[in-house]
Amino acid sequence: MFTQLVVVIITAACVLGVALAFIWLFDEGQSWLEGAHSQNPLMSPILWFVVLLVGVISLFSRIWRKYQEKQFIKKLQQQRKSKR
């Protein structure tokens, strides 16, 4: 139950964060992006924001899969012990 609650809270925080990022981008971010005055696409703040966001999501996903794998192994070992 606790892990489900944590997943729901993290998911809600991610959705809220993405929504706030879009609101910021369309309200105040446009002037900030135009103020950079850079023709180099690698200097785009949106590019680096997306790269950072994908990295964080990838890291969280990898940690979550490892945690779930350990939980599965524990349950499997408990089932094998109880069958003996």
PDB file of N, CA and C in Angstrom:
ATOM      1  N   MET A   1       0.831  -1.196   0.000  1.00  0.00           N
ATOM      2  CA  MET A   1       0.000   0.000   0.000  1.00  0.00           C
ATOM      3  C   MET A   1       0.874   1.258   0.000  1.00  0.00           C
ATOM      4  N   PHE A   2       1.935   1.233   0.821  1.00  0.00           N
ATOM      5  CA  PHE A   2       2.804   2.404   0.913  1.00  0.00           C
ATOM      6  C   PHE A   2       3.484   2.699  -0.420  1.00  0.00           C
ATOM      7  N   THR A   3       3.956   1.651  -1.099  1.00  0.00           N
ATOM      8  CA  THR A   3       4.642   1.873  -2.376  1.00  0.00           C
ATOM      9  C   THR A   3       3.684   2.414  -3.429  1.00  0.00           C
ATOM     10  N   GLN A   4       2.434   1.960  -3.397  1.00  0.00           N
ATOM     11  CA  GLN A   4       1.450   2.483  -4.348  1.00  0.00           C
ATOM     12  C   GLN A   4       1.209   3.966  -4.103  1.00  0.00           C
ATOM     13  N   LEU A   5       1.152   4.349  -2.842  1.00  0.00           N
ATOM     14  CA  LEU A   5       0.952   5.755  -2.497  1.00  0.00           C
ATOM     15  C   LEU A   5       2.133   6.599  -2.961  1.00  0.00           C
ATOM     16  N   VAL A   6       3.331   6.089  -2.790  1.00  0.00           N
ATOM     17  CA  VAL A   6       4.524   6.808  -3.232  1.00  0.00           C
ATOM     18  C   VAL A   6       4.511   6.977  -4.751  1.00  0.00           C
ATOM     19  N   VAL A   7       4.134   5.927  -5.469  1.00  0.00           N
ATOM     20  CA  VAL A   7       4.075   6.005  -6.933  1.00  0.00           C
ATOM     21  C   VAL A   7       3.035   7.027  -7.369  1.00  0.00           C
ATOM     22  N   VAL A   8       1.882   7.042  -6.715  1.00  0.00           N
ATOM     23  CA  VAL A   8       0.830   8.013  -7.057  1.00  0.00           C
ATOM     24  C   VAL A   8       1.314   9.436  -6.797  1.00  0.00           C
ATOM     25  N   ILE A   9       1.980   9.660  -5.682  1.00  0.00           N
ATOM     26  CA  ILE A   9       2.479  11.002  -5.353  1.00  0.00           C
ATOM     27  C   ILE A   9       3.549  11.438  -6.357  1.00  0.00           C
ATOM     28  N   ILE A  10       4.453  10.548  -6.699  1.00  0.00           N
ATOM     29  CA  ILE A  10       5.506  10.886  -7.662  1.00  0.00           C
ATOM     30  C   ILE A  10       4.909  11.160  -9.036  1.00  0.00           C
ATOM     31  N   THR A  11       3.943  10.352  -9.435  1.00  0.00           N
ATOM     32  CA  THR A  11       3.288  10.572 -10.728  1.00  0.00           C
ATOM     33  C   THR A  11       2.565  11.907 -10.757  1.00  0.00           C
ATOM     34  N   ALA A  12       1.850  12.214  -9.686  1.00  0.00           N
ATOM     35  CA  ALA A  12       1.144  13.497  -9.616  1.00  0.00           C
ATOM     36  C   ALA A  12       2.130  14.660  -9.658  1.00  0.00           C
ATOM     37  N   ALA A  13       3.258  14.521  -8.976  1.00  0.00           N
ATOM     38  CA  ALA A  13       4.265  15.582  -8.987  1.00  0.00           C
ATOM     39  C   ALA A  13       4.852  15.763 -10.387  1.00  0.00           C
ATOM     40  N   CYS A  14       5.075  14.669 -11.096  1.00  0.00           N
ATOM     41  CA  CYS A  14       5.603  14.765 -12.468  1.00  0.00           C
ATOM     42  C   CYS A  14       4.609  15.442 -13.400  1.00  0.00           C
ATOM     43  N   VAL A  15       3.342  15.059 -13.303  1.00  0.00           N
ATOM     44  CA  VAL A  15       2.314  15.674 -14.150  1.00  0.00           C
ATOM     45  C   VAL A  15       2.190  17.157 -13.838  1.00  0.00           C
ATOM     46  N   LEU A  16       2.182  17.497 -12.560  1.00  0.00           N
ATOM     47  CA  LEU A  16       2.096  18.899 -12.157  1.00  0.00           C
ATOM     48  C   LEU A  16       3.322  19.675 -12.638  1.00  0.00           C
ATOM     49  N   GLY A  17       4.497  19.063 -12.533  1.00  0.00           N
ATOM     50  CA  GLY A  17       5.717  19.721 -12.993  1.00  0.00           C
ATOM     51  C   GLY A  17       5.708  19.990 -14.486  1.00  0.00           C
ATOM     52  N   VAL A  18       5.248  19.024 -15.266  1.00  0.00           N
ATOM     53  CA  VAL A  18       5.174  19.215 -16.716  1.00  0.00           C
ATOM     54  C   VAL A  18       4.158  20.298 -17.054  1.00  0.00           C
ATOM     55  N   ALA A  19       3.019  20.285 -16.371  1.00  0.00           N
ATOM     56  CA  ALA A  19       2.000  21.313 -16.617  1.00  0.00           C
ATOM     57  C   ALA A  19       2.536  22.700 -16.279  1.00  0.00           C
ATOM     58  N   LEU A  20       3.212  22.829 -15.162  1.00  0.00           N
ATOM     59  CA  LEU A  20       3.779  24.126 -14.783  1.00  0.00           C
ATOM     60  C   LEU A  20       4.871  24.562 -15.757  1.00  0.00           C
ATOM     61  N   ALA A  21       5.638  23.609 -16.274  1.00  0.00           N
ATOM     62  CA  ALA A  21       6.669  23.944 -17.263  1.00  0.00           C
ATOM     63  C   ALA A  21       6.035  24.491 -18.540  1.00  0.00           C
ATOM     64  N   PHE A  22       4.938  23.886 -18.980  1.00  0.00           N
ATOM     65  CA  PHE A  22       4.246  24.395 -20.169  1.00  0.00           C
ATOM     66  C   PHE A  22       3.659  25.778 -19.918  1.00  0.00           C
ATOM     67  N   ILE A  23       3.060  25.965 -18.749  1.00  0.00           N
ATOM     68  CA  ILE A  23       2.499  27.282 -18.422  1.00  0.00           C
ATOM     69  C   ILE A  23       3.608  28.328 -18.413  1.00  0.00           C
ATOM     70  N   TRP A  24       4.729  28.002 -17.780  1.00  0.00           N
ATOM     71  CA  TRP A  24       5.838  28.947 -17.732  1.00  0.00           C
ATOM     72  C   TRP A  24       6.363  29.240 -19.130  1.00  0.00           C
ATOM     73  N   LEU A  25       6.492  28.194 -19.946  1.00  0.00           N
ATOM     74  CA  LEU A  25       7.039  28.361 -21.286  1.00  0.00           C
ATOM     75  C   LEU A  25       6.183  29.299 -22.123  1.00  0.00           C
ATOM     76  N   PHE A  26       4.879  29.145 -22.056  1.00  0.00           N
ATOM     77  CA  PHE A  26       4.010  29.958 -22.895  1.00  0.00           C
ATOM     78  C   PHE A  26       3.737  31.340 -22.306  1.00  0.00           C
ATOM     79  N   ASP A  27       3.880  31.499 -20.996  1.00  0.00           N
ATOM     80  CA  ASP A  27       3.638  32.811 -20.393  1.00  0.00           C
ATOM     81  C   ASP A  27       4.899  33.663 -20.335  1.00  0.00           C
ATOM     82  N   GLU A  28       5.931  33.155 -19.683  1.00  0.00           N
ATOM     83  CA  GLU A  28       7.132  33.957 -19.445  1.00  0.00           C
ATOM     84  C   GLU A  28       8.356  33.419 -20.167  1.00  0.00           C
ATOM     85  N   GLY A  29       8.333  32.173 -20.535  1.00  0.00           N
ATOM     86  CA  GLY A  29       9.507  31.543 -21.120  1.00  0.00           C
ATOM     87  C   GLY A  29       9.868  32.055 -22.493  1.00  0.00           C
ATOM     88  N   GLN A  30       8.884  32.517 -23.239  1.00  0.00           N
ATOM     89  CA  GLN A  30       9.157  32.970 -24.604  1.00  0.00           C
ATOM     90  C   GLN A  30      10.123  34.148 -24.612  1.00  0.00           C
ATOM     91  N   SER A  31       9.903  35.116 -23.750  1.00  0.00           N
ATOM     92  CA  SER A  31      10.816  36.268 -23.704  1.00  0.00           C
ATOM     93  C   SER A  31      12.197  35.844 -23.202  1.00  0.00           C
ATOM     94  N   TRP A  32      12.227  34.881 -22.301  1.00  0.00           N
ATOM     95  CA  TRP A  32      13.503  34.387 -21.791  1.00  0.00           C
ATOM     96  C   TRP A  32      14.278  33.684 -22.899  1.00  0.00           C
ATOM     97  N   LEU A  33      13.569  32.886 -23.710  1.00  0.00           N
ATOM     98  CA  LEU A  33      14.236  32.184 -24.806  1.00  0.00           C
ATOM     99  C   LEU A  33      14.723  33.153 -25.875  1.00  0.00           C
ATOM    100  N   GLU A  34      13.926  34.158 -26.187  1.00  0.00           N
ATOM    101  CA  GLU A  34      14.325  35.140 -27.191  1.00  0.00           C
ATOM    102  C   GLU A  34      15.468  36.011 -26.696  1.00  0.00           C
ATOM    103  N   GLY A  35      15.593  36.155 -25.390  1.00  0.00           N
ATOM    104  CA  GLY A  35      16.658  36.968 -24.822  1.00  0.00           C
ATOM    105  C   GLY A  35      18.019  36.319 -24.898  1.00  0.00           C
ATOM    106  N   ALA A  36      18.070  35.039 -25.213  1.00  0.00           N
ATOM    107  CA  ALA A  36      19.357  34.346 -25.286  1.00  0.00           C
ATOM    108  C   ALA A  36      20.175  34.815 -26.481  1.00  0.00           C
ATOM    109  N   HIS A  37      19.524  35.197 -27.562  1.00  0.00           N
ATOM    110  CA  HIS A  37      20.183  35.706 -28.773  1.00  0.00           C
ATOM    111  C   HIS A  37      21.278  34.768 -29.261  1.00  0.00           C
ATOM    112  N   SER A  38      21.021  33.497 -29.235  1.00  0.00           N
ATOM    113  CA  SER A  38      22.020  32.539 -29.698  1.00  0.00           C
ATOM    114  C   SER A  38      21.483  31.805 -30.918  1.00  0.00           C
ATOM    115  N   GLN A  39      22.322  31.682 -31.934  1.00  0.00           N
ATOM    116  CA  GLN A  39      21.940  30.941 -33.131  1.00  0.00           C
ATOM    117  C   GLN A  39      22.327  29.466 -33.026  1.00  0.00           C
ATOM    118  N   ASN A  40      23.085  29.124 -32.018  1.00  0.00           N
ATOM    119  CA  ASN A  40      23.531  27.754 -31.830  1.00  0.00           C
ATOM    120  C   ASN A  40      22.413  26.935 -31.180  1.00  0.00           C
ATOM    121  N   PRO A  41      21.925  25.875 -31.840  1.00  0.00           N
ATOM    122  CA  PRO A  41      20.839  25.092 -31.246  1.00  0.00           C
ATOM    123  C   PRO A  41      21.259  24.342 -29.985  1.00  0.00           C
ATOM    124  N   LEU A  42      22.561  24.092 -29.824  1.00  0.00           N
ATOM    125  CA  LEU A  42      23.011  23.408 -28.615  1.00  0.00           C
ATOM    126  C   LEU A  42      22.945  24.301 -27.383  1.00  0.00           C
ATOM    127  N   MET A  43      22.763  25.585 -27.585  1.00  0.00           N
ATOM    128  CA  MET A  43      22.648  26.506 -26.455  1.00  0.00           C
ATOM    129  C   MET A  43      21.191  26.736 -26.066  1.00  0.00           C
ATOM    130  N   SER A  44      20.284  26.017 -26.695  1.00  0.00           N
ATOM    131  CA  SER A  44      18.864  26.183 -26.408  1.00  0.00           C
ATOM    132  C   SER A  44      18.538  25.665 -25.008  1.00  0.00           C
ATOM    133  N   PRO A  45      17.932  26.486 -24.173  1.00  0.00           N
ATOM    134  CA  PRO A  45      17.568  26.026 -22.832  1.00  0.00           C
ATOM    135  C   PRO A  45      16.526  24.908 -22.868  1.00  0.00           C
ATOM    136  N   ILE A  46      15.659  24.925 -23.870  1.00  0.00           N
ATOM    137  CA  ILE A  46      14.649  23.867 -23.954  1.00  0.00           C
ATOM    138  C   ILE A  46      15.311  22.525 -24.236  1.00  0.00           C
ATOM    139  N   LEU A  47      16.310  22.518 -25.098  1.00  0.00           N
ATOM    140  CA  LEU A  47      17.022  21.275 -25.385  1.00  0.00           C
ATOM    141  C   LEU A  47      17.625  20.701 -24.113  1.00  0.00           C
ATOM    142  N   TRP A  48      18.293  21.526 -23.340  1.00  0.00           N
ATOM    143  CA  TRP A  48      18.934  21.044 -22.120  1.00  0.00           C
ATOM    144  C   TRP A  48      17.908  20.664 -21.062  1.00  0.00           C
ATOM    145  N   PHE A  49      16.775  21.358 -21.029  1.00  0.00           N
ATOM    146  CA  PHE A  49      15.706  20.983 -20.101  1.00  0.00           C
ATOM    147  C   PHE A  49      15.165  19.599 -20.456  1.00  0.00           C
ATOM    148  N   VAL A  50      14.952  19.355 -21.746  1.00  0.00           N
ATOM    149  CA  VAL A  50      14.436  18.051 -22.182  1.00  0.00           C
ATOM    150  C   VAL A  50      15.460  16.953 -21.906  1.00  0.00           C
ATOM    151  N   VAL A  51      16.726  17.224 -22.173  1.00  0.00           N
ATOM    152  CA  VAL A  51      17.776  16.234 -21.899  1.00  0.00           C
ATOM    153  C   VAL A  51      17.823  15.913 -20.407  1.00  0.00           C
ATOM    154  N   LEU A  52      17.752  16.930 -19.581  1.00  0.00           N
ATOM    155  CA  LEU A  52      17.757  16.725 -18.134  1.00  0.00           C
ATOM    156  C   LEU A  52      16.519  15.962 -17.680  1.00  0.00           C
ATOM    157  N   LEU A  53      15.364  16.319 -18.213  1.00  0.00           N
ATOM    158  CA  LEU A  53      14.121  15.646 -17.848  1.00  0.00           C
ATOM    159  C   LEU A  53      14.158  14.168 -18.238  1.00  0.00           C
ATOM    160  N   VAL A  54      14.636  13.874 -19.435  1.00  0.00           N
ATOM    161  CA  VAL A  54      14.735  12.479 -19.880  1.00  0.00           C
ATOM    162  C   VAL A  54      15.723  11.710 -19.006  1.00  0.00           C
ATOM    163  N   GLY A  55      16.817  12.343 -18.634  1.00  0.00           N
ATOM    164  CA  GLY A  55      17.786  11.692 -17.757  1.00  0.00           C
ATOM    165  C   GLY A  55      17.212  11.363 -16.394  1.00  0.00           C
ATOM    166  N   VAL A  56      16.471  12.291 -15.821  1.00  0.00           N
ATOM    167  CA  VAL A  56      15.863  12.065 -14.503  1.00  0.00           C
ATOM    168  C   VAL A  56      14.819  10.955 -14.584  1.00  0.00           C
ATOM    169  N   ILE A  57      13.993  10.984 -15.627  1.00  0.00           N
ATOM    170  CA  ILE A  57      12.972   9.944 -15.784  1.00  0.00           C
ATOM    171  C   ILE A  57      13.626   8.583 -15.999  1.00  0.00           C
ATOM    172  N   SER A  58      14.685   8.541 -16.785  1.00  0.00           N
ATOM    173  CA  SER A  58      15.395   7.288 -17.032  1.00  0.00           C
ATOM    174  C   SER A  58      16.008   6.739 -15.745  1.00  0.00           C
ATOM    175  N   LEU A  59      16.621   7.617 -14.970  1.00  0.00           N
ATOM    176  CA  LEU A  59      17.218   7.194 -13.704  1.00  0.00           C
ATOM    177  C   LEU A  59      16.156   6.673 -12.748  1.00  0.00           C
ATOM    178  N   PHE A  60      15.049   7.387 -12.627  1.00  0.00           N
ATOM    179  CA  PHE A  60      13.966   6.949 -11.747  1.00  0.00           C
ATOM    180  C   PHE A  60      13.412   5.601 -12.205  1.00  0.00           C
ATOM    181  N   SER A  61      13.247   5.437 -13.504  1.00  0.00           N
ATOM    182  CA  SER A  61      12.721   4.183 -14.044  1.00  0.00           C
ATOM    183  C   SER A  61      13.660   3.018 -13.744  1.00  0.00           C
ATOM    184  N   ARG A  62      14.951   3.262 -13.902  1.00  0.00           N
ATOM    185  CA  ARG A  62      15.934   2.205 -13.641  1.00  0.00           C
ATOM    186  C   ARG A  62      15.934   1.813 -12.162  1.00  0.00           C
ATOM    187  N   ILE A  63      15.881   2.794 -11.277  1.00  0.00           N
ATOM    188  CA  ILE A  63      15.840   2.514  -9.839  1.00  0.00           C
ATOM    189  C   ILE A  63      14.565   1.758  -9.489  1.00  0.00           C
ATOM    190  N   TRP A  64      13.441   2.171 -10.060  1.00  0.00           N
ATOM    191  CA  TRP A  64      12.159   1.526  -9.775  1.00  0.00           C
ATOM    192  C   TRP A  64      12.164   0.068 -10.245  1.00  0.00           C
ATOM    193  N   ARG A  65      12.724  -0.194 -11.427  1.00  0.00           N
ATOM    194  CA  ARG A  65      12.775  -1.569 -11.931  1.00  0.00           C
ATOM    195  C   ARG A  65      13.653  -2.448 -11.045  1.00  0.00           C
ATOM    196  N   LYS A  66      14.781  -1.915 -10.574  1.00  0.00           N
ATOM    197  CA  LYS A  66      15.651  -2.682  -9.673  1.00  0.00           C
ATOM    198  C   LYS A  66      14.921  -3.003  -8.372  1.00  0.00           C
ATOM    199  N   TYR A  67      14.191  -2.017  -7.844  1.00  0.00           N
ATOM    200  CA  TYR A  67      13.436  -2.222  -6.609  1.00  0.00           C
ATOM    201  C   TYR A  67      12.373  -3.301  -6.811  1.00  0.00           C
ATOM    202  N   GLN A  68      11.634  -3.217  -7.912  1.00  0.00           N
ATOM    203  CA  GLN A  68      10.596  -4.211  -8.184  1.00  0.00           C
ATOM    204  C   GLN A  68      11.199  -5.599  -8.383  1.00  0.00           C
ATOM    205  N   GLU A  69      12.353  -5.674  -9.004  1.00  0.00           N
ATOM    206  CA  GLU A  69      13.019  -6.961  -9.201  1.00  0.00           C
ATOM    207  C   GLU A  69      13.401  -7.575  -7.862  1.00  0.00           C
ATOM    208  N   LYS A  70      13.931  -6.766  -6.952  1.00  0.00           N
ATOM    209  CA  LYS A  70      14.298  -7.274  -5.627  1.00  0.00           C
ATOM    210  C   LYS A  70      13.061  -7.744  -4.870  1.00  0.00           C
ATOM    211  N   GLN A  71      11.969  -6.991  -4.965  1.00  0.00           N
ATOM    212  CA  GLN A  71      10.734  -7.392  -4.297  1.00  0.00           C
ATOM    213  C   GLN A  71      10.214  -8.716  -4.869  1.00  0.00           C
ATOM    214  N   PHE A  72      10.285  -8.870  -6.178  1.00  0.00           N
ATOM    215  CA  PHE A  72       9.835 -10.106  -6.815  1.00  0.00           C
ATOM    216  C   PHE A  72      10.676 -11.292  -6.350  1.00  0.00           C
ATOM    217  N   ILE A  73      11.989 -11.101  -6.280  1.00  0.00           N
ATOM    218  CA  ILE A  73      12.878 -12.184  -5.849  1.00  0.00           C
ATOM    219  C   ILE A  73      12.582 -12.569  -4.407  1.00  0.00           C
ATOM    220  N   LYS A  74      12.343 -11.582  -3.542  1.00  0.00           N
ATOM    221  CA  LYS A  74      12.005 -11.877  -2.144  1.00  0.00           C
ATOM    222  C   LYS A  74      10.723 -12.693  -2.052  1.00  0.00           C
ATOM    223  N   LYS A  75       9.697 -12.282  -2.785  1.00  0.00           N
ATOM    224  CA  LYS A  75       8.425 -13.010  -2.753  1.00  0.00           C
ATOM    225  C   LYS A  75       8.584 -14.418  -3.310  1.00  0.00           C
ATOM    226  N   LEU A  76       9.363 -14.568  -4.356  1.00  0.00           N
ATOM    227  CA  LEU A  76       9.588 -15.882  -4.946  1.00  0.00           C
ATOM    228  C   LEU A  76      10.310 -16.794  -3.965  1.00  0.00           C
ATOM    229  N   GLN A  77      11.312 -16.276  -3.272  1.00  0.00           N
ATOM    230  CA  GLN A  77      12.036 -17.077  -2.288  1.00  0.00           C
ATOM    231  C   GLN A  77      11.133 -17.461  -1.125  1.00  0.00           C
ATOM    232  N   GLN A  78      10.259 -16.549  -0.705  1.00  0.00           N
ATOM    233  CA  GLN A  78       9.322 -16.866   0.378  1.00  0.00           C
ATOM    234  C   GLN A  78       8.340 -17.950  -0.051  1.00  0.00           C
ATOM    235  N   GLN A  79       7.882 -17.891  -1.293  1.00  0.00           N
ATOM    236  CA  GLN A  79       6.965 -18.919  -1.792  1.00  0.00           C
ATOM    237  C   GLN A  79       7.653 -20.274  -1.860  1.00  0.00           C
ATOM    238  N   ARG A  80       8.901 -20.285  -2.270  1.00  0.00           N
ATOM    239  CA  ARG A  80       9.639 -21.548  -2.353  1.00  0.00           C
ATOM    240  C   ARG A  80       9.871 -22.133  -0.967  1.00  0.00           C
ATOM    241  N   LYS A  81      10.143 -21.273   0.022  1.00  0.00           N
ATOM    242  CA  LYS A  81      10.345 -21.752   1.392  1.00  0.00           C
ATOM    243  C   LYS A  81       9.049 -22.305   1.966  1.00  0.00           C
ATOM    244  N   SER A  82       7.939 -21.662   1.665  1.00  0.00           N
ATOM    245  CA  SER A  82       6.660 -22.113   2.219  1.00  0.00           C
ATOM    246  C   SER A  82       6.187 -23.419   1.578  1.00  0.00           C
ATOM    247  N   LYS A  83       6.634 -23.735   0.383  1.00  0.00           N
ATOM    248  CA  LYS A  83       6.251 -24.984  -0.279  1.00  0.00           C
ATOM    249  C   LYS A  83       7.000 -26.178   0.287  1.00  0.00           C
ATOM    250  N   ARG A  84       8.131 -25.953   0.916  1.00  0.00           N
ATOM    251  CA  ARG A  84       8.942 -27.060   1.456  1.00  0.00           C
ATOM    252  C   ARG A  84       8.351 -27.641   2.686  1.00  0.00           C
TER     253      ARG A  84
END
